[in-house]
Amino acid sequence: MRRFSWLWLGMCCALCAQQPDAARTRILFVGNSLTYTNNLPQLVKEAGVKNNVRIQADMLAYPNYALEDHWNDGELQKLIAGGKYDYVIVQQGPSSQADGKAMLLEYGGRIKLLCDKHQAKLAFYMVWPARVNYHTFPGVIANYTLAASETNSVLCPVGEVWKAHFDATGDFSYYGPDGFHPSLAGSQRAAEIIFESLQIQ
């Protein structure tokens, strides 16, 4: 998975290097399989195209990674320092429990300071629990919302929108076959919400 993630990042950077900096918004996605499933960064780029916005979307995402893992690896810091990103969008697992909340707050805070230093805006990509853990949805929503509020960052409330859709329609098709990772429709909806949340002009 690491080889795939970095290959995708390298190809994206090579392609985008041919475009004028002033013509695009640069975004770094940091997360795990909830980001790389269905290539969410590419879907956000496509959402930009529909709104006449050019986006460069790079990705640093490995299986089962939390923000702490990315921080300890050190690649995150190098990318933010050298990437001249407009936005850094982060996510980890559902984080409905105390340990996940603590990691969101601690490492979200560290990443926020780094983003501020390099003139990037931090955004939290709120995810969702596995369907079998649906009862933990309020904790996911509360903890991601708190992390964004405490760090004065952008909140991309994907999980909250998903839950509202599920509760209103009984349609759970945003979930993929395993009941946790997103279907293509779920990732497309997530991309729309992320794009709208960033309010890119």
C-alpha atoms as a PDB file:
ATOM      1  CA  MET A   1       0.000   0.000   0.000  1.00  0.00           C
ATOM      2  CA  ARG A   2       2.849   2.406   0.716  1.00  0.00           C
ATOM      3  CA  ARG A   3       4.240   1.844  -2.795  1.00  0.00           C
ATOM      4  CA  PHE A   4       0.820   2.598  -4.316  1.00  0.00           C
ATOM      5  CA  SER A   5       0.302   5.720  -2.217  1.00  0.00           C
ATOM      6  CA  TRP A   6       3.635   7.271  -3.064  1.00  0.00           C
ATOM      7  CA  LEU A   7       3.414   6.286  -6.727  1.00  0.00           C
ATOM      8  CA  TRP A   8       0.073   8.097  -6.963  1.00  0.00           C
ATOM      9  CA  LEU A   9       1.525  11.134  -5.219  1.00  0.00           C
ATOM     10  CA  GLY A  10       4.538  11.215  -7.499  1.00  0.00           C
ATOM     11  CA  MET A  11       2.466  10.982 -10.674  1.00  0.00           C
ATOM     12  CA  CYS A  12       0.116  13.688  -9.475  1.00  0.00           C
ATOM     13  CA  CYS A  13       2.989  16.036  -8.660  1.00  0.00           C
ATOM     14  CA  ALA A  14       4.607  15.407 -12.049  1.00  0.00           C
ATOM     15  CA  LEU A  15       1.407  16.209 -13.913  1.00  0.00           C
ATOM     16  CA  CYS A  16       0.563  19.263 -11.839  1.00  0.00           C
ATOM     17  CA  ALA A  17       4.071  20.660 -12.165  1.00  0.00           C
ATOM     18  CA  GLN A  18       3.194  21.466 -15.764  1.00  0.00           C
ATOM     19  CA  GLN A  19       0.401  23.833 -14.677  1.00  0.00           C
ATOM     20  CA  PRO A  20       0.852  27.439 -13.488  1.00  0.00           C
ATOM     21  CA  ASP A  21       0.745  27.741  -9.695  1.00  0.00           C
ATOM     22  CA  ALA A  22      -1.707  30.649  -9.818  1.00  0.00           C
ATOM     23  CA  ALA A  23      -4.252  28.566 -11.710  1.00  0.00           C
ATOM     24  CA  ARG A  24      -4.914  25.898  -9.105  1.00  0.00           C
ATOM     25  CA  THR A  25      -5.638  25.242  -5.452  1.00  0.00           C
ATOM     26  CA  ARG A  26      -3.181  22.833  -3.823  1.00  0.00           C
ATOM     27  CA  ILE A  27      -4.582  20.268  -1.378  1.00  0.00           C
ATOM     28  CA  LEU A  28      -2.827  17.560   0.629  1.00  0.00           C
ATOM     29  CA  PHE A  29      -5.013  14.698   1.866  1.00  0.00           C
ATOM     30  CA  VAL A  30      -3.681  12.849   4.915  1.00  0.00           C
ATOM     31  CA  GLY A  31      -5.417   9.738   6.186  1.00  0.00           C
ATOM     32  CA  ASN A  32      -6.001   6.058   5.638  1.00  0.00           C
ATOM     33  CA  SER A  33      -8.182   3.739   3.563  1.00  0.00           C
ATOM     34  CA  LEU A  34     -11.223   5.977   4.041  1.00  0.00           C
ATOM     35  CA  THR A  35      -9.323   8.502   1.910  1.00  0.00           C
ATOM     36  CA  TYR A  36      -7.680   6.288  -0.697  1.00  0.00           C
ATOM     37  CA  THR A  37     -10.701   4.028  -1.314  1.00  0.00           C
ATOM     38  CA  ASN A  38     -12.227   5.190  -4.626  1.00  0.00           C
ATOM     39  CA  ASN A  39      -9.421   7.785  -4.854  1.00  0.00           C
ATOM     40  CA  LEU A  40     -11.188  10.549  -2.936  1.00  0.00           C
ATOM     41  CA  PRO A  41      -8.614  13.229  -3.899  1.00  0.00           C
ATOM     42  CA  GLN A  42      -9.353  12.613  -7.582  1.00  0.00           C
ATOM     43  CA  LEU A  43     -13.087  12.924  -6.899  1.00  0.00           C
ATOM     44  CA  VAL A  44     -12.482  16.271  -5.182  1.00  0.00           C
ATOM     45  CA  LYS A  45     -10.537  17.399  -8.250  1.00  0.00           C
ATOM     46  CA  GLU A  46     -13.531  16.413 -10.384  1.00  0.00           C
ATOM     47  CA  ALA A  47     -15.839  18.384  -8.101  1.00  0.00           C
ATOM     48  CA  GLY A  48     -13.565  21.340  -8.706  1.00  0.00           C
ATOM     49  CA  VAL A  49     -13.789  20.916 -12.474  1.00  0.00           C
ATOM     50  CA  LYS A  50     -17.587  21.063 -12.259  1.00  0.00           C
ATOM     51  CA  ASN A  51     -17.219  24.404 -10.462  1.00  0.00           C
ATOM     52  CA  ASN A  52     -14.492  25.810 -12.732  1.00  0.00           C
ATOM     53  CA  VAL A  53     -11.834  25.388 -10.030  1.00  0.00           C
ATOM     54  CA  ARG A  54      -8.501  23.723 -10.811  1.00  0.00           C
ATOM     55  CA  ILE A  55      -7.203  21.596  -7.962  1.00  0.00           C
ATOM     56  CA  GLN A  56      -3.958  19.773  -7.364  1.00  0.00           C
ATOM     57  CA  ALA A  57      -4.733  16.977  -4.906  1.00  0.00           C
ATOM     58  CA  ASP A  58      -1.865  15.017  -3.353  1.00  0.00           C
ATOM     59  CA  MET A  59      -2.386  12.108  -0.983  1.00  0.00           C
ATOM     60  CA  LEU A  60      -0.525  10.578   1.952  1.00  0.00           C
ATOM     61  CA  ALA A  61      -2.671   7.639   3.066  1.00  0.00           C
ATOM     62  CA  TYR A  62      -1.848   4.187   4.420  1.00  0.00           C
ATOM     63  CA  PRO A  63      -4.020   1.372   5.822  1.00  0.00           C
ATOM     64  CA  ASN A  64      -5.142   1.768   9.448  1.00  0.00           C
ATOM     65  CA  TYR A  65      -3.179   4.985   9.997  1.00  0.00           C
ATOM     66  CA  ALA A  66      -4.104   7.570  12.604  1.00  0.00           C
ATOM     67  CA  LEU A  67      -2.740  11.113  12.747  1.00  0.00           C
ATOM     68  CA  GLU A  68      -0.217   9.969  15.346  1.00  0.00           C
ATOM     69  CA  ASP A  69       1.195   7.401  12.901  1.00  0.00           C
ATOM     70  CA  HIS A  70       1.607   9.998  10.178  1.00  0.00           C
ATOM     71  CA  TRP A  71       3.257  12.387  12.610  1.00  0.00           C
ATOM     72  CA  ASN A  72       5.693   9.740  13.847  1.00  0.00           C
ATOM     73  CA  ASP A  73       6.637   8.758  10.277  1.00  0.00           C
ATOM     74  CA  GLY A  74       7.749  12.326   9.569  1.00  0.00           C
ATOM     75  CA  GLU A  75       6.699  12.429   5.909  1.00  0.00           C
ATOM     76  CA  LEU A  76       3.700  14.614   6.744  1.00  0.00           C
ATOM     77  CA  GLN A  77       5.931  17.344   8.134  1.00  0.00           C
ATOM     78  CA  LYS A  78       8.184  17.276   5.053  1.00  0.00           C
ATOM     79  CA  LEU A  79       5.254  17.540   2.660  1.00  0.00           C
ATOM     80  CA  ILE A  80       3.628  20.443   4.479  1.00  0.00           C
ATOM     81  CA  ALA A  81       6.956  22.274   4.766  1.00  0.00           C
ATOM     82  CA  GLY A  82       7.771  21.890   1.090  1.00  0.00           C
ATOM     83  CA  GLY A  83       4.450  21.580  -0.665  1.00  0.00           C
ATOM     84  CA  LYS A  84       3.109  25.136  -0.536  1.00  0.00           C
ATOM     85  CA  TYR A  85      -0.359  23.732   0.115  1.00  0.00           C
ATOM     86  CA  ASP A  86      -3.459  25.869   0.444  1.00  0.00           C
ATOM     87  CA  TYR A  87      -5.266  23.158   2.430  1.00  0.00           C
ATOM     88  CA  VAL A  88      -4.250  20.082   4.408  1.00  0.00           C
ATOM     89  CA  ILE A  89      -7.212  17.735   4.931  1.00  0.00           C
ATOM     90  CA  VAL A  90      -6.781  15.129   7.668  1.00  0.00           C
ATOM     91  CA  GLN A  91      -8.731  12.117   8.858  1.00  0.00           C
ATOM     92  CA  GLN A  92      -8.209   9.027  10.950  1.00  0.00           C
ATOM     93  CA  GLY A  93     -10.636   6.318  12.091  1.00  0.00           C
ATOM     94  CA  PRO A  94     -14.093   7.099  13.487  1.00  0.00           C
ATOM     95  CA  SER A  95     -12.550   8.274  16.788  1.00  0.00           C
ATOM     96  CA  SER A  96     -15.778   8.066  18.760  1.00  0.00           C
ATOM     97  CA  GLN A  97     -13.992   6.820  21.883  1.00  0.00           C
ATOM     98  CA  ALA A  98     -11.705   8.648  24.317  1.00  0.00           C
ATOM     99  CA  ASP A  99      -8.414   7.476  22.787  1.00  0.00           C
ATOM    100  CA  GLY A 100      -9.421   8.510  19.273  1.00  0.00           C
ATOM    101  CA  LYS A 101     -10.646  11.859  20.557  1.00  0.00           C
ATOM    102  CA  ALA A 102      -7.336  12.438  22.342  1.00  0.00           C
ATOM    103  CA  MET A 103      -5.358  11.699  19.162  1.00  0.00           C
ATOM    104  CA  LEU A 104      -7.523  14.011  17.077  1.00  0.00           C
ATOM    105  CA  LEU A 105      -6.991  16.844  19.530  1.00  0.00           C
ATOM    106  CA  GLU A 106      -3.284  16.321  20.210  1.00  0.00           C
ATOM    107  CA  TYR A 107      -2.037  15.580  16.724  1.00  0.00           C
ATOM    108  CA  GLY A 108      -4.610  17.805  15.071  1.00  0.00           C
ATOM    109  CA  GLY A 109      -3.168  20.596  17.206  1.00  0.00           C
ATOM    110  CA  ARG A 110       0.382  19.767  16.172  1.00  0.00           C
ATOM    111  CA  ILE A 111      -0.543  19.678  12.501  1.00  0.00           C
ATOM    112  CA  LYS A 112      -2.410  22.964  12.838  1.00  0.00           C
ATOM    113  CA  LEU A 113       0.713  24.705  14.164  1.00  0.00           C
ATOM    114  CA  LEU A 114       2.705  23.307  11.256  1.00  0.00           C
ATOM    115  CA  CYS A 115       0.056  24.426   8.767  1.00  0.00           C
ATOM    116  CA  ASP A 116       0.016  27.925  10.242  1.00  0.00           C
ATOM    117  CA  LYS A 117       3.797  28.102   9.906  1.00  0.00           C
ATOM    118  CA  HIS A 118       3.568  27.277   6.207  1.00  0.00           C
ATOM    119  CA  GLN A 119       0.438  29.298   5.335  1.00  0.00           C
ATOM    120  CA  ALA A 120      -1.850  26.285   4.838  1.00  0.00           C
ATOM    121  CA  LYS A 121      -5.386  25.897   6.158  1.00  0.00           C
ATOM    122  CA  LEU A 122      -6.103  22.735   8.138  1.00  0.00           C
ATOM    123  CA  ALA A 123      -9.377  20.876   7.537  1.00  0.00           C
ATOM    124  CA  PHE A 124     -10.793  17.848   9.343  1.00  0.00           C
ATOM    125  CA  TYR A 125     -12.513  15.264   7.151  1.00  0.00           C
ATOM    126  CA  MET A 126     -15.171  13.862   9.498  1.00  0.00           C
ATOM    127  CA  VAL A 127     -15.691  10.207   8.716  1.00  0.00           C
ATOM    128  CA  TRP A 128     -18.229   7.690  10.089  1.00  0.00           C
ATOM    129  CA  PRO A 129     -18.388   4.464  12.110  1.00  0.00           C
ATOM    130  CA  ALA A 130     -18.850   0.991  10.703  1.00  0.00           C
ATOM    131  CA  ARG A 131     -22.531   0.264  10.197  1.00  0.00           C
ATOM    132  CA  VAL A 132     -22.467  -2.306  12.995  1.00  0.00           C
ATOM    133  CA  ASN A 133     -21.350   0.519  15.300  1.00  0.00           C
ATOM    134  CA  TYR A 134     -24.006   2.968  14.107  1.00  0.00           C
ATOM    135  CA  HIS A 135     -24.822   3.870  17.709  1.00  0.00           C
ATOM    136  CA  THR A 136     -21.399   5.546  17.997  1.00  0.00           C
ATOM    137  CA  PHE A 137     -22.190   8.096  15.266  1.00  0.00           C
ATOM    138  CA  PRO A 138     -22.852  10.934  17.775  1.00  0.00           C
ATOM    139  CA  GLY A 139     -19.382  10.458  19.251  1.00  0.00           C
ATOM    140  CA  VAL A 140     -17.749  10.590  15.812  1.00  0.00           C
ATOM    141  CA  ILE A 141     -19.591  13.808  14.973  1.00  0.00           C
ATOM    142  CA  ALA A 142     -18.877  15.409  18.344  1.00  0.00           C
ATOM    143  CA  ASN A 143     -15.149  14.582  18.381  1.00  0.00           C
ATOM    144  CA  TYR A 144     -14.370  15.704  14.843  1.00  0.00           C
ATOM    145  CA  THR A 145     -16.395  18.876  15.406  1.00  0.00           C
ATOM    146  CA  LEU A 146     -14.487  19.545  18.623  1.00  0.00           C
ATOM    147  CA  ALA A 147     -11.119  18.989  16.965  1.00  0.00           C
ATOM    148  CA  ALA A 148     -11.939  21.505  14.222  1.00  0.00           C
ATOM    149  CA  SER A 149     -13.278  24.010  16.743  1.00  0.00           C
ATOM    150  CA  GLU A 150     -10.354  23.680  19.163  1.00  0.00           C
ATOM    151  CA  THR A 151      -7.823  24.242  16.379  1.00  0.00           C
ATOM    152  CA  ASN A 152      -9.842  26.908  14.552  1.00  0.00           C
ATOM    153  CA  SER A 153      -9.823  24.726  11.452  1.00  0.00           C
ATOM    154  CA  VAL A 154     -12.269  23.906   8.667  1.00  0.00           C
ATOM    155  CA  LEU A 155     -14.735  21.095   9.327  1.00  0.00           C
ATOM    156  CA  CYS A 156     -15.772  18.876   6.409  1.00  0.00           C
ATOM    157  CA  PRO A 157     -18.833  17.246   8.035  1.00  0.00           C
ATOM    158  CA  VAL A 158     -19.117  14.187   5.809  1.00  0.00           C
ATOM    159  CA  GLY A 159     -20.149  11.822   8.602  1.00  0.00           C
ATOM    160  CA  GLU A 160     -22.842  14.213   9.808  1.00  0.00           C
ATOM    161  CA  VAL A 161     -24.313  14.524   6.305  1.00  0.00           C
ATOM    162  CA  TRP A 162     -24.183  10.774   5.834  1.00  0.00           C
ATOM    163  CA  LYS A 163     -26.069  10.184   9.090  1.00  0.00           C
ATOM    164  CA  ALA A 164     -28.746  12.721   8.176  1.00  0.00           C
ATOM    165  CA  HIS A 165     -29.211  10.941   4.850  1.00  0.00           C
ATOM    166  CA  PHE A 166     -29.396   7.509   6.467  1.00  0.00           C
ATOM    167  CA  ASP A 167     -31.868   8.631   9.110  1.00  0.00           C
ATOM    168  CA  ALA A 168     -34.098  10.395   6.582  1.00  0.00           C
ATOM    169  CA  THR A 169     -34.125   7.747   3.868  1.00  0.00           C
ATOM    170  CA  GLY A 170     -33.089   4.388   5.332  1.00  0.00           C
ATOM    171  CA  ASP A 171     -30.747   4.158   2.314  1.00  0.00           C
ATOM    172  CA  PHE A 172     -27.299   2.957   3.393  1.00  0.00           C
ATOM    173  CA  SER A 173     -25.770   2.799  -0.083  1.00  0.00           C
ATOM    174  CA  TYR A 174     -22.971   5.211   0.887  1.00  0.00           C
ATOM    175  CA  TYR A 175     -21.434   2.216   2.670  1.00  0.00           C
ATOM    176  CA  GLY A 176     -19.520  -0.303   0.584  1.00  0.00           C
ATOM    177  CA  PRO A 177     -19.913  -4.099   0.829  1.00  0.00           C
ATOM    178  CA  ASP A 178     -17.897  -4.382   4.059  1.00  0.00           C
ATOM    179  CA  GLY A 179     -20.187  -1.960   5.905  1.00  0.00           C
ATOM    180  CA  PHE A 180     -17.364   0.459   6.658  1.00  0.00           C
ATOM    181  CA  HIS A 181     -15.442   1.643   3.612  1.00  0.00           C
ATOM    182  CA  PRO A 182     -17.368   3.933   1.268  1.00  0.00           C
ATOM    183  CA  SER A 183     -19.043   2.874  -1.932  1.00  0.00           C
ATOM    184  CA  LEU A 184     -18.270   4.985  -4.981  1.00  0.00           C
ATOM    185  CA  ALA A 185     -21.483   6.918  -4.323  1.00  0.00           C
ATOM    186  CA  GLY A 186     -20.376   7.485  -0.728  1.00  0.00           C
ATOM    187  CA  SER A 187     -16.982   8.780  -1.817  1.00  0.00           C
ATOM    188  CA  GLN A 188     -18.560  11.029  -4.435  1.00  0.00           C
ATOM    189  CA  ARG A 189     -20.840  12.543  -1.806  1.00  0.00           C
ATOM    190  CA  ALA A 190     -17.861  12.972   0.509  1.00  0.00           C
ATOM    191  CA  ALA A 191     -15.969  14.784  -2.263  1.00  0.00           C
ATOM    192  CA  GLU A 192     -18.871  17.169  -2.810  1.00  0.00           C
ATOM    193  CA  ILE A 193     -19.076  17.966   0.898  1.00  0.00           C
ATOM    194  CA  ILE A 194     -15.329  18.511   1.166  1.00  0.00           C
ATOM    195  CA  PHE A 195     -15.298  20.838  -1.827  1.00  0.00           C
ATOM    196  CA  GLU A 196     -18.254  22.818  -0.479  1.00  0.00           C
ATOM    197  CA  SER A 197     -16.690  23.042   2.989  1.00  0.00           C
ATOM    198  CA  LEU A 198     -13.448  24.522   1.676  1.00  0.00           C
ATOM    199  CA  GLN A 199     -15.361  27.328  -0.086  1.00  0.00           C
ATOM    200  CA  ILE A 200     -12.748  27.585  -2.821  1.00  0.00           C
ATOM    201  CA  GLN A 201     -13.329  30.590  -5.074  1.00  0.00           C
END
